C-alpha atoms as a PDB file:
ATOM      1  CA  MET A   1     -11.288   3.545   6.534  1.00  0.00           C
ATOM      2  CA  LEU A   2      -7.440   4.562   7.003  1.00  0.00           C
ATOM      3  CA  SER A   3      -7.304   5.055  11.026  1.00  0.00           C
ATOM      4  CA  LYS A   4      -8.732   1.827  11.006  1.00  0.00           C
ATOM      5  CA  THR A   5      -6.265   0.027   8.869  1.00  0.00           C
ATOM      6  CA  ARG A   6      -3.698   1.999  10.925  1.00  0.00           C
ATOM      7  CA  SER A   7      -5.082   0.816  14.447  1.00  0.00           C
ATOM      8  CA  ALA A   8      -4.858  -2.634  13.164  1.00  0.00           C
ATOM      9  CA  LEU A   9      -1.513  -1.919  11.643  1.00  0.00           C
ATOM     10  CA  SER A  10       0.182  -1.042  15.283  1.00  0.00           C
ATOM     11  CA  SER A  11      -1.830  -4.282  16.437  1.00  0.00           C
ATOM     12  CA  HIS A  12       0.194  -6.236  14.217  1.00  0.00           C
ATOM     13  CA  HIS A  13      -3.326  -7.536  12.754  1.00  0.00           C
ATOM     14  CA  VAL A  14      -1.840  -7.843   9.499  1.00  0.00           C
ATOM     15  CA  ARG A  15      -0.943 -10.525   6.827  1.00  0.00           C
ATOM     16  CA  TRP A  16       1.726 -10.211   4.104  1.00  0.00           C
ATOM     17  CA  ARG A  17       0.029 -11.613   0.761  1.00  0.00           C
ATOM     18  CA  VAL A  18       3.362 -14.042  -0.925  1.00  0.00           C
ATOM     19  CA  HIS A  19       3.187 -11.354  -3.544  1.00  0.00           C
ATOM     20  CA  ALA A  20       4.246  -8.530  -1.522  1.00  0.00           C
ATOM     21  CA  GLN A  21       6.921 -10.639   0.131  1.00  0.00           C
ATOM     22  CA  GLN A  22       8.285 -11.192  -2.947  1.00  0.00           C
ATOM     23  CA  ARG A  23       7.735  -8.059  -4.894  1.00  0.00           C
ATOM     24  CA  MET A  24       9.322  -6.541  -1.762  1.00  0.00           C
ATOM     25  CA  LEU A  25      12.767  -8.991  -1.950  1.00  0.00           C
ATOM     26  CA  GLU A  26      12.685  -8.314  -5.520  1.00  0.00           C
ATOM     27  CA  ARG A  27      12.657  -4.265  -5.343  1.00  0.00           C
ATOM     28  CA  GLY A  28      14.897  -4.134  -1.697  1.00  0.00           C
ATOM     29  CA  ILE A  29      11.840  -3.002   0.351  1.00  0.00           C
ATOM     30  CA  LEU A  30      11.653  -3.393   3.562  1.00  0.00           C
ATOM     31  CA  ARG A  31       9.043  -4.062   5.961  1.00  0.00           C
ATOM     32  CA  LYS A  32       9.452  -0.961   8.551  1.00  0.00           C
ATOM     33  CA  GLU A  33       9.393   1.202   4.837  1.00  0.00           C
ATOM     34  CA  VAL A  34       6.146  -0.567   4.004  1.00  0.00           C
ATOM     35  CA  VAL A  35       4.733  -0.375   7.858  1.00  0.00           C
ATOM     36  CA  SER A  36       5.661   3.653   7.334  1.00  0.00           C
ATOM     37  CA  VAL A  37       3.523   3.987   4.157  1.00  0.00           C
ATOM     38  CA  VAL A  38       0.472   2.930   5.745  1.00  0.00           C
ATOM     39  CA  GLN A  39       1.120   4.391   8.858  1.00  0.00           C
ATOM     40  CA  LYS A  40       1.741   8.401   7.421  1.00  0.00           C
ATOM     41  CA  GLY A  41       0.864   7.594   3.757  1.00  0.00           C
ATOM     42  CA  ALA A  42      -1.901   9.110   1.764  1.00  0.00           C
ATOM     43  CA  ILE A  43      -4.716   6.923   0.239  1.00  0.00           C
ATOM     44  CA  ILE A  44      -4.432   7.799  -3.797  1.00  0.00           C
ATOM     45  CA  GLU A  45      -6.770   5.561  -4.882  1.00  0.00           C
ATOM     46  CA  GLU A  46      -9.317   3.307  -3.437  1.00  0.00           C
ATOM     47  CA  TYR A  47     -10.676  -0.142  -5.123  1.00  0.00           C
ATOM     48  CA  LEU A  48     -13.998  -0.510  -2.391  1.00  0.00           C
ATOM     49  CA  ASN A  49     -15.824  -3.069  -4.373  1.00  0.00           C
ATOM     50  CA  ASP A  50     -12.563  -5.730  -4.505  1.00  0.00           C
ATOM     51  CA  GLU A  51     -13.513  -9.123  -4.326  1.00  0.00           C
ATOM     52  CA  SER A  52     -12.824 -10.250  -1.040  1.00  0.00           C
ATOM     53  CA  TYR A  53     -12.570  -6.485   0.825  1.00  0.00           C
ATOM     54  CA  PRO A  54     -11.898  -3.332   0.166  1.00  0.00           C
ATOM     55  CA  SER A  55      -8.849  -2.378  -0.524  1.00  0.00           C
ATOM     56  CA  PHE A  56      -6.498   1.311  -1.335  1.00  0.00           C
ATOM     57  CA  LEU A  57      -3.301   2.395  -2.537  1.00  0.00           C
ATOM     58  CA  ILE A  58      -1.162   4.378  -0.287  1.00  0.00           C
ATOM     59  CA  HIS A  59       1.708   6.497  -1.176  1.00  0.00           C
ATOM     60  CA  HIS A  60       4.457   7.474   0.897  1.00  0.00           C
ATOM     61  CA  TYR A  61       8.035   9.397   0.327  1.00  0.00           C
ATOM     62  CA  VAL A  62      10.212   6.872   2.597  1.00  0.00           C
ATOM     63  CA  ASN A  63      14.244   6.796   2.563  1.00  0.00           C
ATOM     64  CA  GLY A  64      14.824   9.058  -0.468  1.00  0.00           C
ATOM     65  CA  ARG A  65      12.219   7.093  -2.545  1.00  0.00           C
ATOM     66  CA  HIS A  66       8.220   7.138  -3.343  1.00  0.00           C
ATOM     67  CA  LEU A  67       6.720   3.641  -2.646  1.00  0.00           C
ATOM     68  CA  HIS A  68       2.943   2.465  -2.760  1.00  0.00           C
ATOM     69  CA  ALA A  69       1.232   0.194  -1.032  1.00  0.00           C
ATOM     70  CA  VAL A  70      -1.723  -2.172  -2.155  1.00  0.00           C
ATOM     71  CA  ILE A  71      -3.896  -2.063   1.186  1.00  0.00           C
ATOM     72  CA  GLY A  72      -6.502  -4.531   2.271  1.00  0.00           C
ATOM     73  CA  PHE A  73      -8.845  -4.233   5.169  1.00  0.00           C
ATOM     74  CA  ASN A  74     -11.285  -7.047   6.282  1.00  0.00           C
ATOM     75  CA  GLU A  75     -13.025  -4.914   9.050  1.00  0.00           C
ATOM     76  CA  SER A  76     -15.126  -7.704  10.510  1.00  0.00           C
ATOM     77  CA  ASP A  77     -11.807  -9.515  11.515  1.00  0.00           C
ATOM     78  CA  ASP A  78      -9.892  -6.261  12.099  1.00  0.00           C
ATOM     79  CA  MET A  79      -6.714  -7.324   9.737  1.00  0.00           C
ATOM     80  CA  VAL A  80      -4.552  -5.422   7.716  1.00  0.00           C
ATOM     81  CA  TYR A  81      -3.833  -7.398   3.644  1.00  0.00           C
ATOM     82  CA  VAL A  82      -0.619  -6.166   2.197  1.00  0.00           C
ATOM     83  CA  ILE A  83      -0.997  -7.289  -1.079  1.00  0.00           C
ATOM     84  CA  THR A  84       1.520  -5.157  -3.173  1.00  0.00           C
ATOM     85  CA  VAL A  85       4.170  -2.697  -2.796  1.00  0.00           C
ATOM     86  CA  TYR A  86       6.204  -1.218  -5.476  1.00  0.00           C
ATOM     87  CA  GLU A  87       8.238   2.060  -6.547  1.00  0.00           C
ATOM     88  CA  PRO A  88       6.014   4.025  -8.898  1.00  0.00           C
ATOM     89  CA  ASP A  89       7.554   4.641 -12.161  1.00  0.00           C
ATOM     90  CA  ALA A  90       7.343   8.138 -15.066  1.00  0.00           C
ATOM     91  CA  HIS A  91       5.661   5.992 -17.220  1.00  0.00           C
ATOM     92  CA  ASN A  92       2.768   5.014 -15.340  1.00  0.00           C
ATOM     93  CA  PHE A  93       2.737   8.452 -12.972  1.00  0.00           C
ATOM     94  CA  LYS A  94       3.353  11.668 -13.208  1.00  0.00           C
ATOM     95  CA  ALA A  95       5.983  13.676 -11.767  1.00  0.00           C
ATOM     96  CA  ASP A  96       4.478  13.953  -8.353  1.00  0.00           C
ATOM     97  CA  TYR A  97       4.386  10.043  -8.069  1.00  0.00           C
ATOM     98  CA  ILE A  98       0.343  10.443  -6.986  1.00  0.00           C
ATOM     99  CA  THR A  99      -1.488  10.955 -10.159  1.00  0.00           C
ATOM    100  CA  ARG A 100      -1.735   8.245 -12.701  1.00  0.00           C
ATOM    101  CA  ARG A 101      -0.762   9.267 -16.433  1.00  0.00           C
ATOM    102  CA  THR A 102      -3.992   8.166 -18.785  1.00  0.00           C
ATOM    103  CA  LYS A 103      -3.716   5.504 -20.941  1.00  0.00           C
ATOM    104  CA  GLN A 104      -3.963   6.755 -24.862  1.00  0.00           C
END
């Protein structure tokens, strides 16, 4: 799934959700950084039963900071959807910024 997502992104088959664009603006995250997350990052969580289409959480270290992107992929129309992007925090993730802390 990730290879198809990367191929679609390289072909500019991408839609940026309003929520993602708002968060990127608030957090100073550039589109090229999000593209780097998708192109070079690793899937750390999968949400294969999401309502619209399968999605996943990708992590990558870009320009001196850890970034997470939630990406959906609709295989039937070869379209990538950028749902949200953020910097993981120590409250929700362990020091590797990949492993979620368990809620107690």
